Amino acid sequence: PQVMHTYPEMPNILFINEVKSGARNSGDQCYVYGAPYHYTRFLRGTIPAGEGAFIVKGSIPDPAYTTAALLMKALESNGVETGKQATTMMEIERLENGRQKMSNVLFEHQSLPLICDPCQ
């Protein structure tokens, strides 16, 4: 079986697909393996034959980057020009290596205190 697409879209992901077709009605026996922040994912196991498109769930390599990329795509599709590439604080800190920070706080929200009845 081939990988058709991912949701959300992850353009940098590389799948090493070792999935085989299993018996009809055998269910999802496919597993997605990969290390955090690495865009290579191994697909192993089986999915049932004859069911057409089949959804397999797995982890996102870098959720913060995926969120930033989706936000930039949404902004640009609504006419907001960004002129930059999506990134994360981890990547900025790695590239800056001690230089002055390039980030700005866009929004900060303080929630009400949480109350735990059994804790009182």
PDB file of N, CA and C in Angstrom:
ATOM      1  N   PRO A   1       0.832  -1.204   0.000  1.00  0.00           N
ATOM      2  CA  PRO A   1       0.000   0.000   0.000  1.00  0.00           C
ATOM      3  C   PRO A   1       0.869   1.256   0.000  1.00  0.00           C
ATOM      4  N   GLN A   2       0.423   2.290  -0.673  1.00  0.00           N
ATOM      5  CA  GLN A   2       1.200   3.528  -0.737  1.00  0.00           C
ATOM      6  C   GLN A   2       0.606   4.599   0.167  1.00  0.00           C
ATOM      7  N   VAL A   3       1.453   5.548   0.574  1.00  0.00           N
ATOM      8  CA  VAL A   3       1.006   6.683   1.371  1.00  0.00           C
ATOM      9  C   VAL A   3       0.468   7.727   0.409  1.00  0.00           C
ATOM     10  N   MET A   4      -0.781   8.123   0.601  1.00  0.00           N
ATOM     11  CA  MET A   4      -1.422   9.081  -0.297  1.00  0.00           C
ATOM     12  C   MET A   4      -1.128  10.517   0.119  1.00  0.00           C
ATOM     13  N   HIS A   5      -1.287  10.821   1.412  1.00  0.00           N
ATOM     14  CA  HIS A   5      -1.021  12.161   1.915  1.00  0.00           C
ATOM     15  C   HIS A   5      -1.019  12.132   3.441  1.00  0.00           C
ATOM     16  N   THR A   6      -0.631  13.246   4.018  1.00  0.00           N
ATOM     17  CA  THR A   6      -0.669  13.382   5.479  1.00  0.00           C
ATOM     18  C   THR A   6      -1.630  14.504   5.839  1.00  0.00           C
ATOM     19  N   TYR A   7      -2.174  14.403   7.012  1.00  0.00           N
ATOM     20  CA  TYR A   7      -2.986  15.492   7.564  1.00  0.00           C
ATOM     21  C   TYR A   7      -2.572  15.682   9.008  1.00  0.00           C
ATOM     22  N   PRO A   8      -2.082  16.861   9.362  1.00  0.00           N
ATOM     23  CA  PRO A   8      -1.891  17.999   8.467  1.00  0.00           C
ATOM     24  C   PRO A   8      -0.746  17.746   7.481  1.00  0.00           C
ATOM     25  N   GLU A   9      -0.702  18.588   6.464  1.00  0.00           N
ATOM     26  CA  GLU A   9       0.337  18.472   5.445  1.00  0.00           C
ATOM     27  C   GLU A   9       1.710  18.669   6.087  1.00  0.00           C
ATOM     28  N   MET A  10       2.649  17.787   5.768  1.00  0.00           N
ATOM     29  CA  MET A  10       4.022  17.890   6.265  1.00  0.00           C
ATOM     30  C   MET A  10       4.967  17.702   5.090  1.00  0.00           C
ATOM     31  N   PRO A  11       5.361  18.794   4.436  1.00  0.00           N
ATOM     32  CA  PRO A  11       6.133  18.682   3.201  1.00  0.00           C
ATOM     33  C   PRO A  11       7.513  18.059   3.366  1.00  0.00           C
ATOM     34  N   ASN A  12       8.113  18.103   4.536  1.00  0.00           N
ATOM     35  CA  ASN A  12       9.483  17.607   4.701  1.00  0.00           C
ATOM     36  C   ASN A  12       9.556  16.155   5.141  1.00  0.00           C
ATOM     37  N   ILE A  13       8.435  15.484   5.297  1.00  0.00           N
ATOM     38  CA  ILE A  13       8.445  14.139   5.867  1.00  0.00           C
ATOM     39  C   ILE A  13       8.860  13.097   4.821  1.00  0.00           C
ATOM     40  N   LEU A  14       9.618  12.115   5.274  1.00  0.00           N
ATOM     41  CA  LEU A  14      10.066  11.015   4.419  1.00  0.00           C
ATOM     42  C   LEU A  14       9.584   9.722   5.051  1.00  0.00           C
ATOM     43  N   PHE A  15       8.776   8.968   4.321  1.00  0.00           N
ATOM     44  CA  PHE A  15       8.276   7.692   4.816  1.00  0.00           C
ATOM     45  C   PHE A  15       9.092   6.547   4.236  1.00  0.00           C
ATOM     46  N   ILE A  16       9.540   5.668   5.095  1.00  0.00           N
ATOM     47  CA  ILE A  16      10.111   4.393   4.676  1.00  0.00           C
ATOM     48  C   ILE A  16       8.969   3.404   4.858  1.00  0.00           C
ATOM     49  N   ASN A  17       8.318   3.067   3.755  1.00  0.00           N
ATOM     50  CA  ASN A  17       7.071   2.318   3.790  1.00  0.00           C
ATOM     51  C   ASN A  17       7.326   0.821   3.646  1.00  0.00           C
ATOM     52  N   GLU A  18       7.112   0.089   4.740  1.00  0.00           N
ATOM     53  CA  GLU A  18       7.264  -1.363   4.741  1.00  0.00           C
ATOM     54  C   GLU A  18       5.921  -2.046   5.029  1.00  0.00           C
ATOM     55  N   VAL A  19       4.814  -1.316   4.809  1.00  0.00           N
ATOM     56  CA  VAL A  19       3.478  -1.827   5.098  1.00  0.00           C
ATOM     57  C   VAL A  19       3.074  -2.852   4.046  1.00  0.00           C
ATOM     58  N   LYS A  20       2.399  -3.898   4.497  1.00  0.00           N
ATOM     59  CA  LYS A  20       1.891  -4.943   3.610  1.00  0.00           C
ATOM     60  C   LYS A  20       0.369  -4.993   3.745  1.00  0.00           C
ATOM     61  N   SER A  21      -0.285  -5.547   2.742  1.00  0.00           N
ATOM     62  CA  SER A  21      -1.734  -5.750   2.810  1.00  0.00           C
ATOM     63  C   SER A  21      -2.016  -6.972   3.668  1.00  0.00           C
ATOM     64  N   GLY A  22      -2.957  -6.803   4.590  1.00  0.00           N
ATOM     65  CA  GLY A  22      -3.362  -7.913   5.452  1.00  0.00           C
ATOM     66  C   GLY A  22      -4.697  -8.465   4.993  1.00  0.00           C
ATOM     67  N   ALA A  23      -5.233  -9.397   5.758  1.00  0.00           N
ATOM     68  CA  ALA A  23      -6.524 -10.003   5.446  1.00  0.00           C
ATOM     69  C   ALA A  23      -7.634  -8.969   5.553  1.00  0.00           C
ATOM     70  N   ARG A  24      -8.692  -9.161   4.801  1.00  0.00           N
ATOM     71  CA  ARG A  24      -9.870  -8.278   4.899  1.00  0.00           C
ATOM     72  C   ARG A  24     -10.345  -8.234   6.342  1.00  0.00           C
ATOM     73  N   ASN A  25     -10.798  -7.052   6.754  1.00  0.00           N
ATOM     74  CA  ASN A  25     -11.334  -6.833   8.102  1.00  0.00           C
ATOM     75  C   ASN A  25     -10.328  -7.107   9.217  1.00  0.00           C
ATOM     76  N   SER A  26      -9.035  -7.103   8.897  1.00  0.00           N
ATOM     77  CA  SER A  26      -8.026  -7.372   9.929  1.00  0.00           C
ATOM     78  C   SER A  26      -7.733  -6.140  10.779  1.00  0.00           C
ATOM     79  N   GLY A  27      -8.213  -4.985  10.355  1.00  0.00           N
ATOM     80  CA  GLY A  27      -8.019  -3.765  11.138  1.00  0.00           C
ATOM     81  C   GLY A  27      -6.646  -3.149  10.934  1.00  0.00           C
ATOM     82  N   ASP A  28      -6.424  -2.074  11.646  1.00  0.00           N
ATOM     83  CA  ASP A  28      -5.179  -1.309  11.559  1.00  0.00           C
ATOM     84  C   ASP A  28      -4.103  -1.998  12.386  1.00  0.00           C
ATOM     85  N   GLN A  29      -3.155  -2.591  11.697  1.00  0.00           N
ATOM     86  CA  GLN A  29      -1.999  -3.206  12.354  1.00  0.00           C
ATOM     87  C   GLN A  29      -0.721  -2.510  11.885  1.00  0.00           C
ATOM     88  N   CYS A  30      -0.871  -1.248  11.476  1.00  0.00           N
ATOM     89  CA  CYS A  30       0.255  -0.459  10.972  1.00  0.00           C
ATOM     90  C   CYS A  30       0.771   0.448  12.083  1.00  0.00           C
ATOM     91  N   TYR A  31       2.081   0.498  12.214  1.00  0.00           N
ATOM     92  CA  TYR A  31       2.708   1.332  13.243  1.00  0.00           C
ATOM     93  C   TYR A  31       3.666   2.309  12.589  1.00  0.00           C
ATOM     94  N   VAL A  32       3.707   3.519  13.143  1.00  0.00           N
ATOM     95  CA  VAL A  32       4.568   4.586  12.631  1.00  0.00           C
ATOM     96  C   VAL A  32       5.659   4.816  13.670  1.00  0.00           C
ATOM     97  N   TYR A  33       6.915   4.664  13.248  1.00  0.00           N
ATOM     98  CA  TYR A  33       8.049   4.841  14.145  1.00  0.00           C
ATOM     99  C   TYR A  33       8.890   6.018  13.688  1.00  0.00           C
ATOM    100  N   GLY A  34       9.398   6.788  14.645  1.00  0.00           N
ATOM    101  CA  GLY A  34      10.301   7.882  14.314  1.00  0.00           C
ATOM    102  C   GLY A  34      10.683   8.648  15.565  1.00  0.00           C
ATOM    103  N   ALA A  35      11.838   9.262  15.530  1.00  0.00           N
ATOM    104  CA  ALA A  35      12.333  10.034  16.674  1.00  0.00           C
ATOM    105  C   ALA A  35      11.792  11.455  16.628  1.00  0.00           C
ATOM    106  N   PRO A  36      11.620  12.081  17.800  1.00  0.00           N
ATOM    107  CA  PRO A  36      11.182  13.479  17.821  1.00  0.00           C
ATOM    108  C   PRO A  36      12.140  14.369  17.023  1.00  0.00           C
ATOM    109  N   TYR A  37      11.581  15.319  16.295  1.00  0.00           N
ATOM    110  CA  TYR A  37      12.319  16.315  15.507  1.00  0.00           C
ATOM    111  C   TYR A  37      13.034  15.731  14.286  1.00  0.00           C
ATOM    112  N   HIS A  38      12.811  14.475  13.968  1.00  0.00           N
ATOM    113  CA  HIS A  38      13.381  13.868  12.769  1.00  0.00           C
ATOM    114  C   HIS A  38      12.243  13.552  11.817  1.00  0.00           C
ATOM    115  N   TYR A  39      12.404  13.923  10.568  1.00  0.00           N
ATOM    116  CA  TYR A  39      11.328  13.826   9.595  1.00  0.00           C
ATOM    117  C   TYR A  39      11.336  12.520   8.801  1.00  0.00           C
ATOM    118  N   THR A  40      12.080  11.534   9.255  1.00  0.00           N
ATOM    119  CA  THR A  40      12.002  10.208   8.656  1.00  0.00           C
ATOM    120  C   THR A  40      11.116   9.360   9.553  1.00  0.00           C
ATOM    121  N   ARG A  41      10.109   8.745   8.955  1.00  0.00           N
ATOM    122  CA  ARG A  41       9.177   7.885   9.681  1.00  0.00           C
ATOM    123  C   ARG A  41       9.134   6.525   8.996  1.00  0.00           C
ATOM    124  N   PHE A  42       9.173   5.473   9.804  1.00  0.00           N
ATOM    125  CA  PHE A  42       9.094   4.105   9.307  1.00  0.00           C
ATOM    126  C   PHE A  42       7.669   3.606   9.508  1.00  0.00           C
ATOM    127  N   LEU A  43       7.084   3.091   8.460  1.00  0.00           N
ATOM    128  CA  LEU A  43       5.740   2.509   8.506  1.00  0.00           C
ATOM    129  C   LEU A  43       5.892   1.007   8.391  1.00  0.00           C
ATOM    130  N   ARG A  44       5.407   0.292   9.409  1.00  0.00           N
ATOM    131  CA  ARG A  44       5.542  -1.164   9.422  1.00  0.00           C
ATOM    132  C   ARG A  44       4.236  -1.801   9.855  1.00  0.00           C
ATOM    133  N   GLY A  45       4.008  -3.021   9.384  1.00  0.00           N
ATOM    134  CA  GLY A  45       2.816  -3.761   9.765  1.00  0.00           C
ATOM    135  C   GLY A  45       1.921  -4.000   8.575  1.00  0.00           C
ATOM    136  N   THR A  46       0.609  -4.107   8.858  1.00  0.00           N
ATOM    137  CA  THR A  46      -0.357  -4.394   7.794  1.00  0.00           C
ATOM    138  C   THR A  46      -1.593  -3.518   7.938  1.00  0.00           C
ATOM    139  N   ILE A  47      -2.263  -3.334   6.802  1.00  0.00           N
ATOM    140  CA  ILE A  47      -3.591  -2.731   6.782  1.00  0.00           C
ATOM    141  C   ILE A  47      -4.475  -3.664   5.962  1.00  0.00           C
ATOM    142  N   PRO A  48      -5.780  -3.682   6.225  1.00  0.00           N
ATOM    143  CA  PRO A  48      -6.644  -4.646   5.536  1.00  0.00           C
ATOM    144  C   PRO A  48      -6.741  -4.369   4.037  1.00  0.00           C
ATOM    145  N   ALA A  49      -6.686  -5.426   3.259  1.00  0.00           N
ATOM    146  CA  ALA A  49      -6.810  -5.325   1.795  1.00  0.00           C
ATOM    147  C   ALA A  49      -8.264  -5.053   1.419  1.00  0.00           C
ATOM    148  N   GLY A  50      -8.437  -4.388   0.291  1.00  0.00           N
ATOM    149  CA  GLY A  50      -9.760  -4.224  -0.291  1.00  0.00           C
ATOM    150  C   GLY A  50     -10.639  -3.173   0.345  1.00  0.00           C
ATOM    151  N   GLU A  51     -10.095  -2.300   1.178  1.00  0.00           N
ATOM    152  CA  GLU A  51     -10.923  -1.278   1.832  1.00  0.00           C
ATOM    153  C   GLU A  51     -10.698   0.121   1.264  1.00  0.00           C
ATOM    154  N   GLY A  52      -9.960   0.213   0.172  1.00  0.00           N
ATOM    155  CA  GLY A  52      -9.694   1.530  -0.404  1.00  0.00           C
ATOM    156  C   GLY A  52      -8.757   2.322   0.489  1.00  0.00           C
ATOM    157  N   ALA A  53      -8.995   3.632   0.568  1.00  0.00           N
ATOM    158  CA  ALA A  53      -8.147   4.484   1.415  1.00  0.00           C
ATOM    159  C   ALA A  53      -8.317   4.073   2.873  1.00  0.00           C
ATOM    160  N   PHE A  54      -7.212   4.050   3.586  1.00  0.00           N
ATOM    161  CA  PHE A  54      -7.215   3.616   4.976  1.00  0.00           C
ATOM    162  C   PHE A  54      -6.404   4.613   5.785  1.00  0.00           C
ATOM    163  N   ILE A  55      -6.944   5.093   6.883  1.00  0.00           N
ATOM    164  CA  ILE A  55      -6.274   6.107   7.702  1.00  0.00           C
ATOM    165  C   ILE A  55      -5.443   5.437   8.788  1.00  0.00           C
ATOM    166  N   VAL A  56      -4.176   5.847   8.866  1.00  0.00           N
ATOM    167  CA  VAL A  56      -3.263   5.390   9.911  1.00  0.00           C
ATOM    168  C   VAL A  56      -2.784   6.635  10.645  1.00  0.00           C
ATOM    169  N   LYS A  57      -2.824   6.605  11.960  1.00  0.00           N
ATOM    170  CA  LYS A  57      -2.416   7.770  12.750  1.00  0.00           C
ATOM    171  C   LYS A  57      -1.018   7.569  13.305  1.00  0.00           C
ATOM    172  N   GLY A  58      -0.255   8.675  13.350  1.00  0.00           N
ATOM    173  CA  GLY A  58       1.095   8.649  13.902  1.00  0.00           C
ATOM    174  C   GLY A  58       1.445  10.012  14.447  1.00  0.00           C
ATOM    175  N   SER A  59       2.599  10.102  15.072  1.00  0.00           N
ATOM    176  CA  SER A  59       3.019  11.361  15.684  1.00  0.00           C
ATOM    177  C   SER A  59       3.539  12.343  14.640  1.00  0.00           C
ATOM    178  N   ILE A  60       3.484  13.613  14.990  1.00  0.00           N
ATOM    179  CA  ILE A  60       4.044  14.680  14.164  1.00  0.00           C
ATOM    180  C   ILE A  60       5.483  14.898  14.636  1.00  0.00           C
ATOM    181  N   PRO A  61       6.457  14.922  13.717  1.00  0.00           N
ATOM    182  CA  PRO A  61       7.860  15.043  14.127  1.00  0.00           C
ATOM    183  C   PRO A  61       8.153  16.275  14.972  1.00  0.00           C
ATOM    184  N   ASP A  62       7.615  17.424  14.601  1.00  0.00           N
ATOM    185  CA  ASP A  62       7.865  18.673  15.326  1.00  0.00           C
ATOM    186  C   ASP A  62       6.558  19.458  15.347  1.00  0.00           C
ATOM    187  N   PRO A  63       5.703  19.232  16.359  1.00  0.00           N
ATOM    188  CA  PRO A  63       4.396  19.891  16.396  1.00  0.00           C
ATOM    189  C   PRO A  63       4.474  21.417  16.350  1.00  0.00           C
ATOM    190  N   ALA A  64       5.464  22.007  17.009  1.00  0.00           N
ATOM    191  CA  ALA A  64       5.586  23.471  17.009  1.00  0.00           C
ATOM    192  C   ALA A  64       5.860  23.990  15.601  1.00  0.00           C
ATOM    193  N   TYR A  65       6.751  23.323  14.869  1.00  0.00           N
ATOM    194  CA  TYR A  65       7.047  23.754  13.497  1.00  0.00           C
ATOM    195  C   TYR A  65       5.824  23.570  12.601  1.00  0.00           C
ATOM    196  N   THR A  66       5.129  22.441  12.739  1.00  0.00           N
ATOM    197  CA  THR A  66       3.943  22.197  11.923  1.00  0.00           C
ATOM    198  C   THR A  66       2.901  23.276  12.168  1.00  0.00           C
ATOM    199  N   THR A  67       2.710  23.655  13.424  1.00  0.00           N
ATOM    200  CA  THR A  67       1.765  24.724  13.764  1.00  0.00           C
ATOM    201  C   THR A  67       2.191  26.043  13.127  1.00  0.00           C
ATOM    202  N   ALA A  68       3.465  26.379  13.214  1.00  0.00           N
ATOM    203  CA  ALA A  68       3.974  27.626  12.625  1.00  0.00           C
ATOM    204  C   ALA A  68       3.785  27.628  11.114  1.00  0.00           C
ATOM    205  N   ALA A  69       4.069  26.505  10.461  1.00  0.00           N
ATOM    206  CA  ALA A  69       3.929  26.419   9.005  1.00  0.00           C
ATOM    207  C   ALA A  69       2.469  26.546   8.588  1.00  0.00           C
ATOM    208  N   LEU A  70       1.562  25.901   9.340  1.00  0.00           N
ATOM    209  CA  LEU A  70       0.135  25.999   9.017  1.00  0.00           C
ATOM    210  C   LEU A  70      -0.386  27.413   9.250  1.00  0.00           C
ATOM    211  N   LEU A  71       0.087  28.080  10.307  1.00  0.00           N
ATOM    212  CA  LEU A  71      -0.311  29.465  10.562  1.00  0.00           C
ATOM    213  C   LEU A  71       0.153  30.368   9.421  1.00  0.00           C
ATOM    214  N   MET A  72       1.401  30.221   8.993  1.00  0.00           N
ATOM    215  CA  MET A  72       1.903  31.047   7.884  1.00  0.00           C
ATOM    216  C   MET A  72       1.116  30.798   6.610  1.00  0.00           C
ATOM    217  N   LYS A  73       0.785  29.538   6.341  1.00  0.00           N
ATOM    218  CA  LYS A  73       0.014  29.210   5.147  1.00  0.00           C
ATOM    219  C   LYS A  73      -1.371  29.858   5.217  1.00  0.00           C
ATOM    220  N   ALA A  74      -2.004  29.814   6.389  1.00  0.00           N
ATOM    221  CA  ALA A  74      -3.327  30.435   6.567  1.00  0.00           C
ATOM    222  C   ALA A  74      -3.241  31.950   6.411  1.00  0.00           C
ATOM    223  N   LEU A  75      -2.213  32.566   6.980  1.00  0.00           N
ATOM    224  CA  LEU A  75      -2.047  34.014   6.841  1.00  0.00           C
ATOM    225  C   LEU A  75      -1.888  34.394   5.371  1.00  0.00           C
ATOM    226  N   GLU A  76      -0.999  33.693   4.675  1.00  0.00           N
ATOM    227  CA  GLU A  76      -0.739  34.014   3.274  1.00  0.00           C
ATOM    228  C   GLU A  76      -1.966  33.765   2.393  1.00  0.00           C
ATOM    229  N   SER A  77      -2.739  32.720   2.694  1.00  0.00           N
ATOM    230  CA  SER A  77      -3.934  32.455   1.886  1.00  0.00           C
ATOM    231  C   SER A  77      -5.025  33.492   2.141  1.00  0.00           C
ATOM    232  N   ASN A  78      -4.877  34.274   3.221  1.00  0.00           N
ATOM    233  CA  ASN A  78      -5.820  35.347   3.518  1.00  0.00           C
ATOM    234  C   ASN A  78      -5.228  36.726   3.225  1.00  0.00           C
ATOM    235  N   GLY A  79      -4.179  36.752   2.406  1.00  0.00           N
ATOM    236  CA  GLY A  79      -3.625  38.016   1.940  1.00  0.00           C
ATOM    237  C   GLY A  79      -2.616  38.679   2.861  1.00  0.00           C
ATOM    238  N   VAL A  80      -2.184  38.006   3.918  1.00  0.00           N
ATOM    239  CA  VAL A  80      -1.182  38.579   4.823  1.00  0.00           C
ATOM    240  C   VAL A  80       0.187  38.086   4.377  1.00  0.00           C
ATOM    241  N   GLU A  81       1.025  39.027   3.931  1.00  0.00           N
ATOM    242  CA  GLU A  81       2.367  38.656   3.489  1.00  0.00           C
ATOM    243  C   GLU A  81       3.280  38.540   4.695  1.00  0.00           C
ATOM    244  N   THR A  82       3.986  37.435   4.797  1.00  0.00           N
ATOM    245  CA  THR A  82       4.882  37.240   5.934  1.00  0.00           C
ATOM    246  C   THR A  82       6.335  37.517   5.574  1.00  0.00           C
ATOM    247  N   GLY A  83       6.747  37.118   4.393  1.00  0.00           N
ATOM    248  CA  GLY A  83       8.116  37.377   3.954  1.00  0.00           C
ATOM    249  C   GLY A  83       9.167  36.572   4.698  1.00  0.00           C
ATOM    250  N   LYS A  84       8.754  35.640   5.520  1.00  0.00           N
ATOM    251  CA  LYS A  84       9.699  34.822   6.279  1.00  0.00           C
ATOM    252  C   LYS A  84       9.302  33.364   6.149  1.00  0.00           C
ATOM    253  N   GLN A  85      10.163  32.490   6.651  1.00  0.00           N
ATOM    254  CA  GLN A  85       9.856  31.066   6.687  1.00  0.00           C
ATOM    255  C   GLN A  85       9.402  30.698   8.086  1.00  0.00           C
ATOM    256  N   ALA A  86       8.579  29.667   8.175  1.00  0.00           N
ATOM    257  CA  ALA A  86       8.146  29.174   9.485  1.00  0.00           C
ATOM    258  C   ALA A  86       9.345  28.625  10.236  1.00  0.00           C
ATOM    259  N   THR A  87       9.337  28.819  11.548  1.00  0.00           N
ATOM    260  CA  THR A  87      10.417  28.303  12.384  1.00  0.00           C
ATOM    261  C   THR A  87       9.892  28.095  13.797  1.00  0.00           C
ATOM    262  N   THR A  88      10.753  27.661  14.680  1.00  0.00           N
ATOM    263  CA  THR A  88      10.395  27.462  16.081  1.00  0.00           C
ATOM    264  C   THR A  88      11.476  28.080  16.961  1.00  0.00           C
ATOM    265  N   MET A  89      11.161  28.248  18.234  1.00  0.00           N
ATOM    266  CA  MET A  89      12.159  28.792  19.159  1.00  0.00           C
ATOM    267  C   MET A  89      13.367  27.866  19.247  1.00  0.00           C
ATOM    268  N   MET A  90      13.154  26.570  19.209  1.00  0.00           N
ATOM    269  CA  MET A  90      14.279  25.639  19.266  1.00  0.00           C
ATOM    270  C   MET A  90      15.232  25.878  18.098  1.00  0.00           C
ATOM    271  N   GLU A  91      14.676  26.070  16.908  1.00  0.00           N
ATOM    272  CA  GLU A  91      15.509  26.307  15.728  1.00  0.00           C
ATOM    273  C   GLU A  91      16.171  27.682  15.792  1.00  0.00           C
ATOM    274  N   ILE A  92      15.443  28.697  16.235  1.00  0.00           N
ATOM    275  CA  ILE A  92      16.019  30.042  16.366  1.00  0.00           C
ATOM    276  C   ILE A  92      17.187  30.024  17.346  1.00  0.00           C
ATOM    277  N   GLU A  93      16.995  29.394  18.496  1.00  0.00           N
ATOM    278  CA  GLU A  93      18.065  29.335  19.496  1.00  0.00           C
ATOM    279  C   GLU A  93      19.263  28.554  18.972  1.00  0.00           C
ATOM    280  N   ARG A  94      19.011  27.508  18.208  1.00  0.00           N
ATOM    281  CA  ARG A  94      20.119  26.743  17.629  1.00  0.00           C
ATOM    282  C   ARG A  94      20.904  27.598  16.638  1.00  0.00           C
ATOM    283  N   LEU A  95      20.193  28.378  15.802  1.00  0.00           N
ATOM    284  CA  LEU A  95      20.863  29.210  14.803  1.00  0.00           C
ATOM    285  C   LEU A  95      21.521  30.441  15.417  1.00  0.00           C
ATOM    286  N   GLU A  96      20.870  31.028  16.430  1.00  0.00           N
ATOM    287  CA  GLU A  96      21.410  32.240  17.043  1.00  0.00           C
ATOM    288  C   GLU A  96      22.652  31.947  17.858  1.00  0.00           C
ATOM    289  N   ASN A  97      22.673  30.817  18.525  1.00  0.00           N
ATOM    290  CA  ASN A  97      23.842  30.401  19.302  1.00  0.00           C
ATOM    291  C   ASN A  97      24.415  31.545  20.137  1.00  0.00           C
ATOM    292  N   GLY A  98      23.556  32.178  20.937  1.00  0.00           N
ATOM    293  CA  GLY A  98      24.016  33.230  21.840  1.00  0.00           C
ATOM    294  C   GLY A  98      23.824  34.640  21.323  1.00  0.00           C
ATOM    295  N   ARG A  99      23.427  34.814  20.065  1.00  0.00           N
ATOM    296  CA  ARG A  99      23.194  36.165  19.557  1.00  0.00           C
ATOM    297  C   ARG A  99      21.893  36.704  20.131  1.00  0.00           C
ATOM    298  N   GLN A 100      21.626  37.976  19.892  1.00  0.00           N
ATOM    299  CA  GLN A 100      20.400  38.608  20.381  1.00  0.00           C
ATOM    300  C   GLN A 100      19.179  37.894  19.804  1.00  0.00           C
ATOM    301  N   LYS A 101      18.169  37.725  20.622  1.00  0.00           N
ATOM    302  CA  LYS A 101      16.954  37.021  20.214  1.00  0.00           C
ATOM    303  C   LYS A 101      16.234  37.780  19.102  1.00  0.00           C
ATOM    304  N   MET A 102      15.659  37.026  18.145  1.00  0.00           N
ATOM    305  CA  MET A 102      14.933  37.619  17.024  1.00  0.00           C
ATOM    306  C   MET A 102      13.425  37.493  17.212  1.00  0.00           C
ATOM    307  N   SER A 103      12.967  37.020  18.363  1.00  0.00           N
ATOM    308  CA  SER A 103      11.545  36.758  18.530  1.00  0.00           C
ATOM    309  C   SER A 103      10.837  37.892  19.258  1.00  0.00           C
ATOM    310  N   ASN A 104       9.535  37.978  19.033  1.00  0.00           N
ATOM    311  CA  ASN A 104       8.673  38.929  19.716  1.00  0.00           C
ATOM    312  C   ASN A 104       7.450  38.190  20.224  1.00  0.00           C
ATOM    313  N   VAL A 105       6.993  38.545  21.426  1.00  0.00           N
ATOM    314  CA  VAL A 105       5.775  37.945  21.955  1.00  0.00           C
ATOM    315  C   VAL A 105       4.599  38.554  21.207  1.00  0.00           C
ATOM    316  N   LEU A 106       3.755  37.697  20.606  1.00  0.00           N
ATOM    317  CA  LEU A 106       2.576  38.161  19.885  1.00  0.00           C
ATOM    318  C   LEU A 106       1.366  38.270  20.803  1.00  0.00           C
ATOM    319  N   PHE A 107       1.263  37.340  21.746  1.00  0.00           N
ATOM    320  CA  PHE A 107       0.088  37.319  22.620  1.00  0.00           C
ATOM    321  C   PHE A 107       0.427  36.528  23.866  1.00  0.00           C
ATOM    322  N   GLU A 108      -0.038  37.007  24.996  1.00  0.00           N
ATOM    323  CA  GLU A 108       0.143  36.285  26.243  1.00  0.00           C
ATOM    324  C   GLU A 108      -1.176  36.331  26.990  1.00  0.00           C
ATOM    325  N   HIS A 109      -1.585  35.209  27.529  1.00  0.00           N
ATOM    326  CA  HIS A 109      -2.858  35.130  28.242  1.00  0.00           C
ATOM    327  C   HIS A 109      -2.639  34.465  29.588  1.00  0.00           C
ATOM    328  N   GLN A 110      -3.111  35.089  30.649  1.00  0.00           N
ATOM    329  CA  GLN A 110      -3.049  34.517  31.993  1.00  0.00           C
ATOM    330  C   GLN A 110      -4.428  33.975  32.325  1.00  0.00           C
ATOM    331  N   SER A 111      -4.512  32.684  32.605  1.00  0.00           N
ATOM    332  CA  SER A 111      -5.804  32.087  32.939  1.00  0.00           C
ATOM    333  C   SER A 111      -6.128  32.344  34.403  1.00  0.00           C
ATOM    334  N   LEU A 112      -7.388  32.134  34.739  1.00  0.00           N
ATOM    335  CA  LEU A 112      -7.790  32.204  36.134  1.00  0.00           C
ATOM    336  C   LEU A 112      -7.112  31.066  36.896  1.00  0.00           C
ATOM    337  N   PRO A 113      -6.925  31.223  38.208  1.00  0.00           N
ATOM    338  CA  PRO A 113      -6.310  30.136  38.978  1.00  0.00           C
ATOM    339  C   PRO A 113      -7.174  28.876  38.914  1.00  0.00           C
ATOM    340  N   LEU A 114      -6.529  27.728  38.821  1.00  0.00           N
ATOM    341  CA  LEU A 114      -7.241  26.461  38.823  1.00  0.00           C
ATOM    342  C   LEU A 114      -7.590  26.083  40.249  1.00  0.00           C
ATOM    343  N   ILE A 115      -8.798  25.592  40.450  1.00  0.00           N
ATOM    344  CA  ILE A 115      -9.247  25.185  41.784  1.00  0.00           C
ATOM    345  C   ILE A 115      -9.393  23.667  41.781  1.00  0.00           C
ATOM    346  N   CYS A 116      -8.810  23.049  42.742  1.00  0.00           N
ATOM    347  CA  CYS A 116      -8.897  21.604  42.880  1.00  0.00           C
ATOM    348  C   CYS A 116      -9.621  21.302  44.191  1.00  0.00           C
ATOM    349  N   ASP A 117     -10.924  20.969  44.125  1.00  0.00           N
ATOM    350  CA  ASP A 117     -11.713  20.720  45.324  1.00  0.00           C
ATOM    351  C   ASP A 117     -11.100  19.686  46.255  1.00  0.00           C
ATOM    352  N   PRO A 118     -10.652  18.512  45.737  1.00  0.00           N
ATOM    353  CA  PRO A 118     -10.068  17.525  46.653  1.00  0.00           C
ATOM    354  C   PRO A 118      -8.769  18.026  47.298  1.00  0.00           C
ATOM    355  N   CYS A 119      -8.138  19.044  46.703  1.00  0.00           N
ATOM    356  CA  CYS A 119      -6.865  19.545  47.214  1.00  0.00           C
ATOM    357  C   CYS A 119      -7.069  20.488  48.408  1.00  0.00           C
ATOM    358  N   GLN A 120      -8.271  20.971  48.624  1.00  0.00           N
ATOM    359  CA  GLN A 120      -8.485  21.954  49.685  1.00  0.00           C
ATOM    360  C   GLN A 120      -8.595  21.323  51.039  1.00  0.00           C
TER     361      GLN A 120
END
